[in-house]
Amino acid sequence: MAYPGQGFPGAGQPPPVGPYPGGPYGGGPPPGPYGQPPPGGPYGAPYGGPQPGPYGGAAPGGNVPPGVDPEAFSWFQTVDTDHSGFISVKELKQALVNNNWSSFNDETCLLMINMFDRTRSGRIDVHGFSALLRFIQQWRSLFQQYDRDQSGSISFGELQQAFSQMGYNLSPQFSQLLLARYSQRSPSPSIQLDRFIHICMQLQSLTDAFREKDTALLGNVRLSYEDFLTMVVTRML
């Protein structure tokens, strides 16, 4: 029996296919992604095209480290503006954009750096960067799946439907709360890719924490105040 959101992009897993049937969170498997990825950089819309940088064009194929995608290696060289051999949060933020060309927010960039930072230095090497790009590509495909009107952002109705198809039995009021907290309000409230990633990763992390307490898989538990605080603090991303 699985909880909702298992199989989110990351750790080599494909996008989610839905929770267990009839469980406390409800929901079902999502439909397949629509259409083709929109144009953009080598990995599609989450990034703008490579900008002229200190390394110029793509590096010779012989210099690509084993296990690293050649396009990711070329991108890494462009993004690594200080020639340090690592990508910082600031450099990552400068490299990633949403469909409306806004930069990824600091919190999401930090979240992703921490996920792929093997040295716990607050930076990622070329291997981590290559994995991170694959991670974002998976999330972009999932984001397109729920962006049913292909507007480039997730509206309230699309967010509510996305949660349902991921297996989360959440009220419209909760979806509205998230929209108010994380949306860009012009011309109407909606969620960009970076915030979608952040919301879903936070939701999955807190669900994992709740599941540890919900041993009977009933969808409700009794917690002390300190247990609640501990659960939130230890799972904050």
C-alpha atoms as a PDB file:
ATOM      1  CA  MET A   1       0.000   0.000   0.000  1.00  0.00           C
ATOM      2  CA  ALA A   2       1.413   3.377  -0.997  1.00  0.00           C
ATOM      3  CA  TYR A   3       0.828   6.907   0.071  1.00  0.00           C
ATOM      4  CA  PRO A   4       0.051   9.717  -2.373  1.00  0.00           C
ATOM      5  CA  GLY A   5       2.900  11.310  -4.213  1.00  0.00           C
ATOM      6  CA  GLN A   6       5.257   8.330  -4.030  1.00  0.00           C
ATOM      7  CA  GLY A   7       7.334   8.215  -7.182  1.00  0.00           C
ATOM      8  CA  PHE A   8       7.679  11.977  -7.507  1.00  0.00           C
ATOM      9  CA  PRO A   9      10.623  12.928  -9.684  1.00  0.00           C
ATOM     10  CA  GLY A  10      13.877  12.401  -7.854  1.00  0.00           C
ATOM     11  CA  ALA A  11      15.948   9.461  -6.691  1.00  0.00           C
ATOM     12  CA  GLY A  12      15.644   8.035 -10.207  1.00  0.00           C
ATOM     13  CA  GLN A  13      11.890   7.607  -9.942  1.00  0.00           C
ATOM     14  CA  PRO A  14       9.356   8.476 -12.668  1.00  0.00           C
ATOM     15  CA  PRO A  15       6.467  10.893 -12.101  1.00  0.00           C
ATOM     16  CA  PRO A  16       3.724   9.696  -9.731  1.00  0.00           C
ATOM     17  CA  VAL A  17       1.139   7.188 -10.898  1.00  0.00           C
ATOM     18  CA  GLY A  18      -1.329   7.690  -8.090  1.00  0.00           C
ATOM     19  CA  PRO A  19      -1.889   6.313  -4.577  1.00  0.00           C
ATOM     20  CA  TYR A  20      -3.420   3.116  -3.358  1.00  0.00           C
ATOM     21  CA  PRO A  21      -7.081   2.610  -4.396  1.00  0.00           C
ATOM     22  CA  GLY A  22      -9.628   3.543  -1.794  1.00  0.00           C
ATOM     23  CA  GLY A  23      -7.082   4.770   0.727  1.00  0.00           C
ATOM     24  CA  PRO A  24      -7.583   7.678   3.112  1.00  0.00           C
ATOM     25  CA  TYR A  25      -6.306  10.156   0.533  1.00  0.00           C
ATOM     26  CA  GLY A  26      -8.353   8.996  -2.484  1.00  0.00           C
ATOM     27  CA  GLY A  27      -7.337   9.841  -6.026  1.00  0.00           C
ATOM     28  CA  GLY A  28      -6.213   7.868  -9.045  1.00  0.00           C
ATOM     29  CA  PRO A  29      -3.534   7.679 -11.721  1.00  0.00           C
ATOM     30  CA  PRO A  30      -2.909  10.765 -13.836  1.00  0.00           C
ATOM     31  CA  PRO A  31      -3.362  10.840 -17.619  1.00  0.00           C
ATOM     32  CA  GLY A  32      -0.335  10.963 -19.897  1.00  0.00           C
ATOM     33  CA  PRO A  33       1.484  14.214 -20.667  1.00  0.00           C
ATOM     34  CA  TYR A  34       0.112  16.284 -23.539  1.00  0.00           C
ATOM     35  CA  GLY A  35       1.886  17.528 -26.616  1.00  0.00           C
ATOM     36  CA  GLN A  36       5.541  18.262 -27.063  1.00  0.00           C
ATOM     37  CA  PRO A  37       7.850  20.241 -24.775  1.00  0.00           C
ATOM     38  CA  PRO A  38       7.832  23.955 -25.575  1.00  0.00           C
ATOM     39  CA  PRO A  39      10.954  25.466 -27.110  1.00  0.00           C
ATOM     40  CA  GLY A  40      13.667  26.858 -24.897  1.00  0.00           C
ATOM     41  CA  GLY A  41      17.087  25.714 -23.839  1.00  0.00           C
ATOM     42  CA  PRO A  42      18.424  22.231 -24.456  1.00  0.00           C
ATOM     43  CA  TYR A  43      16.140  20.891 -21.739  1.00  0.00           C
ATOM     44  CA  GLY A  44      13.043  22.880 -22.710  1.00  0.00           C
ATOM     45  CA  ALA A  45      11.059  25.617 -21.054  1.00  0.00           C
ATOM     46  CA  PRO A  46      12.487  25.515 -17.490  1.00  0.00           C
ATOM     47  CA  TYR A  47      15.649  27.163 -18.731  1.00  0.00           C
ATOM     48  CA  GLY A  48      16.423  29.906 -21.199  1.00  0.00           C
ATOM     49  CA  GLY A  49      18.868  29.153 -23.994  1.00  0.00           C
ATOM     50  CA  PRO A  50      22.544  29.190 -23.066  1.00  0.00           C
ATOM     51  CA  GLN A  51      23.869  32.704 -22.776  1.00  0.00           C
ATOM     52  CA  PRO A  52      27.371  33.699 -23.914  1.00  0.00           C
ATOM     53  CA  GLY A  53      29.675  32.977 -21.007  1.00  0.00           C
ATOM     54  CA  PRO A  54      33.301  32.429 -20.113  1.00  0.00           C
ATOM     55  CA  TYR A  55      33.367  29.002 -21.698  1.00  0.00           C
ATOM     56  CA  GLY A  56      31.773  29.877 -25.069  1.00  0.00           C
ATOM     57  CA  GLY A  57      30.126  27.007 -26.941  1.00  0.00           C
ATOM     58  CA  ALA A  58      29.774  23.327 -26.206  1.00  0.00           C
ATOM     59  CA  ALA A  59      32.837  21.584 -24.879  1.00  0.00           C
ATOM     60  CA  PRO A  60      34.543  18.843 -26.886  1.00  0.00           C
ATOM     61  CA  GLY A  61      32.884  15.498 -26.320  1.00  0.00           C
ATOM     62  CA  GLY A  62      36.143  13.974 -25.061  1.00  0.00           C
ATOM     63  CA  ASN A  63      36.114  16.257 -22.025  1.00  0.00           C
ATOM     64  CA  VAL A  64      32.705  15.144 -20.791  1.00  0.00           C
ATOM     65  CA  PRO A  65      33.029  13.210 -17.503  1.00  0.00           C
ATOM     66  CA  PRO A  66      31.698   9.627 -17.524  1.00  0.00           C
ATOM     67  CA  GLY A  67      28.005   9.420 -16.718  1.00  0.00           C
ATOM     68  CA  VAL A  68      27.323  13.095 -17.516  1.00  0.00           C
ATOM     69  CA  ASP A  69      25.089  14.131 -20.395  1.00  0.00           C
ATOM     70  CA  PRO A  70      27.097  16.190 -22.939  1.00  0.00           C
ATOM     71  CA  GLU A  71      24.444  18.916 -23.075  1.00  0.00           C
ATOM     72  CA  ALA A  72      24.403  19.073 -19.282  1.00  0.00           C
ATOM     73  CA  PHE A  73      28.195  19.393 -19.301  1.00  0.00           C
ATOM     74  CA  SER A  74      28.026  22.294 -21.766  1.00  0.00           C
ATOM     75  CA  TRP A  75      25.357  23.943 -19.609  1.00  0.00           C
ATOM     76  CA  PHE A  76      27.428  23.394 -16.500  1.00  0.00           C
ATOM     77  CA  GLN A  77      30.358  25.251 -18.034  1.00  0.00           C
ATOM     78  CA  THR A  78      28.107  28.157 -18.996  1.00  0.00           C
ATOM     79  CA  VAL A  79      26.423  28.373 -15.588  1.00  0.00           C
ATOM     80  CA  ASP A  80      29.676  28.015 -13.607  1.00  0.00           C
ATOM     81  CA  THR A  81      30.531  31.683 -14.077  1.00  0.00           C
ATOM     82  CA  ASP A  82      33.251  31.774 -11.427  1.00  0.00           C
ATOM     83  CA  HIS A  83      35.106  28.733 -12.865  1.00  0.00           C
ATOM     84  CA  SER A  84      34.962  27.034  -9.467  1.00  0.00           C
ATOM     85  CA  GLY A  85      33.867  23.641 -10.789  1.00  0.00           C
ATOM     86  CA  PHE A  86      30.671  23.909  -8.727  1.00  0.00           C
ATOM     87  CA  ILE A  87      27.251  25.525  -9.122  1.00  0.00           C
ATOM     88  CA  SER A  88      26.028  27.711  -6.272  1.00  0.00           C
ATOM     89  CA  VAL A  89      22.452  28.686  -5.462  1.00  0.00           C
ATOM     90  CA  LYS A  90      23.072  32.107  -6.999  1.00  0.00           C
ATOM     91  CA  GLU A  91      24.432  30.620 -10.232  1.00  0.00           C
ATOM     92  CA  LEU A  92      21.570  28.131 -10.453  1.00  0.00           C
ATOM     93  CA  LYS A  93      19.016  30.890  -9.947  1.00  0.00           C
ATOM     94  CA  GLN A  94      20.554  32.833 -12.831  1.00  0.00           C
ATOM     95  CA  ALA A  95      20.266  29.776 -15.092  1.00  0.00           C
ATOM     96  CA  LEU A  96      16.673  28.659 -14.495  1.00  0.00           C
ATOM     97  CA  VAL A  97      13.530  30.472 -15.589  1.00  0.00           C
ATOM     98  CA  ASN A  98       9.811  29.761 -15.556  1.00  0.00           C
ATOM     99  CA  ASN A  99       7.555  29.865 -18.591  1.00  0.00           C
ATOM    100  CA  ASN A 100       6.960  33.584 -18.012  1.00  0.00           C
ATOM    101  CA  TRP A 101      10.752  34.151 -17.957  1.00  0.00           C
ATOM    102  CA  SER A 102      10.804  34.894 -14.231  1.00  0.00           C
ATOM    103  CA  SER A 103      13.782  33.445 -12.371  1.00  0.00           C
ATOM    104  CA  PHE A 104      13.332  30.439 -10.127  1.00  0.00           C
ATOM    105  CA  ASN A 105      12.846  31.572  -6.534  1.00  0.00           C
ATOM    106  CA  ASP A 106      15.637  31.239  -3.994  1.00  0.00           C
ATOM    107  CA  GLU A 107      13.850  28.636  -1.863  1.00  0.00           C
ATOM    108  CA  THR A 108      13.337  26.199  -4.728  1.00  0.00           C
ATOM    109  CA  CYS A 109      16.909  26.624  -5.933  1.00  0.00           C
ATOM    110  CA  LEU A 110      18.217  25.945  -2.421  1.00  0.00           C
ATOM    111  CA  LEU A 111      15.936  22.909  -2.089  1.00  0.00           C
ATOM    112  CA  MET A 112      17.286  21.428  -5.314  1.00  0.00           C
ATOM    113  CA  ILE A 113      20.919  22.227  -4.508  1.00  0.00           C
ATOM    114  CA  ASN A 114      20.521  20.416  -1.189  1.00  0.00           C
ATOM    115  CA  MET A 115      18.982  17.404  -2.920  1.00  0.00           C
ATOM    116  CA  PHE A 116      21.942  16.920  -5.265  1.00  0.00           C
ATOM    117  CA  ASP A 117      24.781  18.224  -3.077  1.00  0.00           C
ATOM    118  CA  ARG A 118      26.815  15.084  -2.388  1.00  0.00           C
ATOM    119  CA  THR A 119      29.504  16.935  -0.440  1.00  0.00           C
ATOM    120  CA  ARG A 120      27.172  18.978   1.780  1.00  0.00           C
ATOM    121  CA  SER A 121      29.044  22.106   0.715  1.00  0.00           C
ATOM    122  CA  GLY A 122      26.002  24.086  -0.457  1.00  0.00           C
ATOM    123  CA  ARG A 123      27.066  23.603  -4.087  1.00  0.00           C
ATOM    124  CA  ILE A 124      26.754  20.878  -6.740  1.00  0.00           C
ATOM    125  CA  ASP A 125      29.369  19.438  -9.065  1.00  0.00           C
ATOM    126  CA  VAL A 126      28.829  18.500 -12.700  1.00  0.00           C
ATOM    127  CA  HIS A 127      27.368  15.097 -11.776  1.00  0.00           C
ATOM    128  CA  GLY A 128      24.855  16.685  -9.418  1.00  0.00           C
ATOM    129  CA  PHE A 129      24.014  19.324 -12.005  1.00  0.00           C
ATOM    130  CA  SER A 130      23.369  16.693 -14.683  1.00  0.00           C
ATOM    131  CA  ALA A 131      21.056  14.809 -12.302  1.00  0.00           C
ATOM    132  CA  LEU A 132      19.326  18.050 -11.326  1.00  0.00           C
ATOM    133  CA  LEU A 133      18.539  18.860 -14.964  1.00  0.00           C
ATOM    134  CA  ARG A 134      16.958  15.446 -15.426  1.00  0.00           C
ATOM    135  CA  PHE A 135      14.978  16.037 -12.233  1.00  0.00           C
ATOM    136  CA  ILE A 136      13.627  19.365 -13.492  1.00  0.00           C
ATOM    137  CA  GLN A 137      12.795  17.878 -16.883  1.00  0.00           C
ATOM    138  CA  GLN A 138      10.639  15.258 -15.149  1.00  0.00           C
ATOM    139  CA  TRP A 139       8.904  17.967 -13.139  1.00  0.00           C
ATOM    140  CA  ARG A 140       8.383  20.075 -16.255  1.00  0.00           C
ATOM    141  CA  SER A 141       6.689  17.127 -17.984  1.00  0.00           C
ATOM    142  CA  LEU A 142       4.446  16.640 -14.966  1.00  0.00           C
ATOM    143  CA  PHE A 143       3.728  20.381 -14.832  1.00  0.00           C
ATOM    144  CA  GLN A 144       2.669  20.340 -18.502  1.00  0.00           C
ATOM    145  CA  GLN A 145       0.383  17.438 -17.761  1.00  0.00           C
ATOM    146  CA  TYR A 146      -1.591  19.481 -15.238  1.00  0.00           C
ATOM    147  CA  ASP A 147      -1.414  22.762 -17.171  1.00  0.00           C
ATOM    148  CA  ARG A 148      -4.433  21.710 -19.187  1.00  0.00           C
ATOM    149  CA  ASP A 149      -5.013  25.023 -20.937  1.00  0.00           C
ATOM    150  CA  GLN A 150      -1.283  25.222 -21.807  1.00  0.00           C
ATOM    151  CA  SER A 151      -1.076  28.712 -20.320  1.00  0.00           C
ATOM    152  CA  GLY A 152       2.377  28.101 -18.854  1.00  0.00           C
ATOM    153  CA  SER A 153       1.101  28.234 -15.253  1.00  0.00           C
ATOM    154  CA  ILE A 154      -1.188  26.238 -12.946  1.00  0.00           C
ATOM    155  CA  SER A 155      -4.504  27.840 -12.040  1.00  0.00           C
ATOM    156  CA  PHE A 156      -6.635  27.087  -8.978  1.00  0.00           C
ATOM    157  CA  GLY A 157      -8.753  24.493 -10.793  1.00  0.00           C
ATOM    158  CA  GLU A 158      -5.702  22.844 -12.312  1.00  0.00           C
ATOM    159  CA  LEU A 159      -3.950  22.740  -8.945  1.00  0.00           C
ATOM    160  CA  GLN A 160      -6.941  21.152  -7.281  1.00  0.00           C
ATOM    161  CA  GLN A 161      -7.188  18.566 -10.055  1.00  0.00           C
ATOM    162  CA  ALA A 162      -3.458  17.903  -9.886  1.00  0.00           C
ATOM    163  CA  PHE A 163      -3.659  17.138  -6.164  1.00  0.00           C
ATOM    164  CA  SER A 164      -6.583  14.796  -6.746  1.00  0.00           C
ATOM    165  CA  GLN A 165      -4.795  12.882  -9.482  1.00  0.00           C
ATOM    166  CA  MET A 166      -1.634  12.656  -7.393  1.00  0.00           C
ATOM    167  CA  GLY A 167      -3.757  11.018  -4.713  1.00  0.00           C
ATOM    168  CA  TYR A 168      -4.186  13.863  -2.235  1.00  0.00           C
ATOM    169  CA  ASN A 169      -7.691  14.306  -0.879  1.00  0.00           C
ATOM    170  CA  LEU A 170      -7.328  18.022  -0.147  1.00  0.00           C
ATOM    171  CA  SER A 171     -10.091  20.590   0.129  1.00  0.00           C
ATOM    172  CA  PRO A 172     -10.528  23.507  -2.289  1.00  0.00           C
ATOM    173  CA  GLN A 173      -9.851  25.777   0.681  1.00  0.00           C
ATOM    174  CA  PHE A 174      -6.393  24.254   1.122  1.00  0.00           C
ATOM    175  CA  SER A 175      -5.601  24.625  -2.579  1.00  0.00           C
ATOM    176  CA  GLN A 176      -6.741  28.240  -2.386  1.00  0.00           C
ATOM    177  CA  LEU A 177      -4.464  28.790   0.603  1.00  0.00           C
ATOM    178  CA  LEU A 178      -1.482  27.481  -1.359  1.00  0.00           C
ATOM    179  CA  LEU A 179      -2.428  29.581  -4.367  1.00  0.00           C
ATOM    180  CA  ALA A 180      -2.589  32.704  -2.228  1.00  0.00           C
ATOM    181  CA  ARG A 181       0.759  31.875  -0.623  1.00  0.00           C
ATOM    182  CA  TYR A 182       2.754  30.913  -3.697  1.00  0.00           C
ATOM    183  CA  SER A 183       1.083  32.415  -6.745  1.00  0.00           C
ATOM    184  CA  GLN A 184       2.114  35.234  -9.019  1.00  0.00           C
ATOM    185  CA  ARG A 185      -0.917  37.496  -9.062  1.00  0.00           C
ATOM    186  CA  SER A 186      -0.660  39.113 -12.476  1.00  0.00           C
ATOM    187  CA  PRO A 187      -2.825  38.908 -14.475  1.00  0.00           C
ATOM    188  CA  SER A 188      -4.532  36.261 -12.293  1.00  0.00           C
ATOM    189  CA  PRO A 189      -3.359  34.000  -9.442  1.00  0.00           C
ATOM    190  CA  SER A 190      -1.433  31.011 -10.768  1.00  0.00           C
ATOM    191  CA  ILE A 191       1.517  28.778  -9.898  1.00  0.00           C
ATOM    192  CA  GLN A 192       4.741  28.793 -11.901  1.00  0.00           C
ATOM    193  CA  LEU A 193       6.964  25.727 -12.318  1.00  0.00           C
ATOM    194  CA  ASP A 194       9.379  26.623  -9.511  1.00  0.00           C
ATOM    195  CA  ARG A 195       6.595  27.006  -6.957  1.00  0.00           C
ATOM    196  CA  PHE A 196       4.883  23.844  -8.224  1.00  0.00           C
ATOM    197  CA  ILE A 197       8.069  21.893  -7.564  1.00  0.00           C
ATOM    198  CA  HIS A 198       8.426  23.475  -4.121  1.00  0.00           C
ATOM    199  CA  ILE A 199       4.815  22.818  -3.105  1.00  0.00           C
ATOM    200  CA  CYS A 200       4.838  19.195  -4.226  1.00  0.00           C
ATOM    201  CA  MET A 201       8.150  18.408  -2.568  1.00  0.00           C
ATOM    202  CA  GLN A 202       7.028  19.978   0.705  1.00  0.00           C
ATOM    203  CA  LEU A 203       3.722  18.135   0.518  1.00  0.00           C
ATOM    204  CA  GLN A 204       5.443  14.821  -0.101  1.00  0.00           C
ATOM    205  CA  SER A 205       7.936  15.378   2.712  1.00  0.00           C
ATOM    206  CA  LEU A 206       5.205  16.202   5.229  1.00  0.00           C
ATOM    207  CA  THR A 207       3.116  13.275   3.986  1.00  0.00           C
ATOM    208  CA  ASP A 208       6.050  10.953   4.640  1.00  0.00           C
ATOM    209  CA  ALA A 209       6.289  12.328   8.176  1.00  0.00           C
ATOM    210  CA  PHE A 210       2.552  11.878   8.730  1.00  0.00           C
ATOM    211  CA  ARG A 211       2.684   8.345   7.366  1.00  0.00           C
ATOM    212  CA  GLU A 212       5.226   7.388  10.030  1.00  0.00           C
ATOM    213  CA  LYS A 213       2.597   8.224  12.655  1.00  0.00           C
ATOM    214  CA  ASP A 214      -0.392   6.873  10.720  1.00  0.00           C
ATOM    215  CA  THR A 215       0.529   3.227  11.159  1.00  0.00           C
ATOM    216  CA  ALA A 216      -3.061   2.065  10.581  1.00  0.00           C
ATOM    217  CA  LEU A 217      -3.311   4.062   7.317  1.00  0.00           C
ATOM    218  CA  LEU A 218      -6.511   5.746   8.465  1.00  0.00           C
ATOM    219  CA  GLY A 219      -5.677   9.268   7.349  1.00  0.00           C
ATOM    220  CA  ASN A 220      -5.726  10.702  10.875  1.00  0.00           C
ATOM    221  CA  VAL A 221      -3.495  10.512  13.947  1.00  0.00           C
ATOM    222  CA  ARG A 222      -3.247  11.913  17.466  1.00  0.00           C
ATOM    223  CA  LEU A 223      -0.162  14.044  18.037  1.00  0.00           C
ATOM    224  CA  SER A 224       1.169  15.997  20.958  1.00  0.00           C
ATOM    225  CA  TYR A 225       2.089  19.603  20.296  1.00  0.00           C
ATOM    226  CA  GLU A 226       5.789  18.804  20.441  1.00  0.00           C
ATOM    227  CA  ASP A 227       5.372  15.784  18.153  1.00  0.00           C
ATOM    228  CA  PHE A 228       3.695  18.067  15.638  1.00  0.00           C
ATOM    229  CA  LEU A 229       6.478  20.643  15.857  1.00  0.00           C
ATOM    230  CA  THR A 230       9.130  17.950  15.545  1.00  0.00           C
ATOM    231  CA  MET A 231       7.424  16.465  12.524  1.00  0.00           C
ATOM    232  CA  VAL A 232       7.298  19.819  10.749  1.00  0.00           C
ATOM    233  CA  VAL A 233      10.779  21.030  11.667  1.00  0.00           C
ATOM    234  CA  THR A 234      12.551  17.794  10.726  1.00  0.00           C
ATOM    235  CA  ARG A 235      10.756  17.688   7.351  1.00  0.00           C
ATOM    236  CA  MET A 236      11.048  21.322   6.379  1.00  0.00           C
ATOM    237  CA  LEU A 237      12.758  21.730   2.991  1.00  0.00           C
END
